[in-house]
């Protein structure tokens, strides 16, 4: 019998590729996507994507979605408390593993594993140890489509925000920028791909500068 898992879902490309790997394994059953949102903005935390589009994403994937809300000034303690409550909801349902799309950041992996250990759950990293460039090009070659929703202005100019991630985008990334944005250089929203039943429609809206980040607003659009 397949093992039930949650998939930590940011709506971006790495979580999508991790989900792809899980769905193509006979060893796992996805009980739900698990997404953290900033309640004050009603958007996916860090990625800045509207909750409406997140819901459409989950519908296009035909998977349940569990949303965890934190405040805009949330501390680690608030995040961990809210996440623990969400995990406590799934443990009685036979879920003991959470899937993450992390690739090579050891401190992030340890943080996730330590937090899950407190609720007697484990982490699974389908992309772990792979070359970032290989992961990025695999994502494109598989037919996924994603748009950049946030960039760190310290390493990327504003015009990278709102671009579709394709071979041209990857080739134009400045030297030193991780091709998967693993160090927080950029975040994305996946709107189509081999695990989607339909494309998620949107229009590219205004780009705003907040702190050191550029956020590109994606506006839901009727099909």
Foldseek 3Di string as FASTA:
>chain_A
DAAEEEEACLQFLLSVVQVVVQVPDPRYDYQEYEFEDAVVQCAGPLLRAHVVLVVVQCVQLVGHYDYFYDHPPDDPVRVLVSVLVVVVVCVVVRYAEYEYRAEEDPVVQVVVQVSSVVVNHGYDHPRYPDQQVVSLQVSQVQPWKKAWFKAQQVQDPPVSHGHIRHPVSLVPRDPPQRSRNNVVGTTIHIQDGDSGNDGFDWDWDDWDQDDRMIGIYTGGDDD
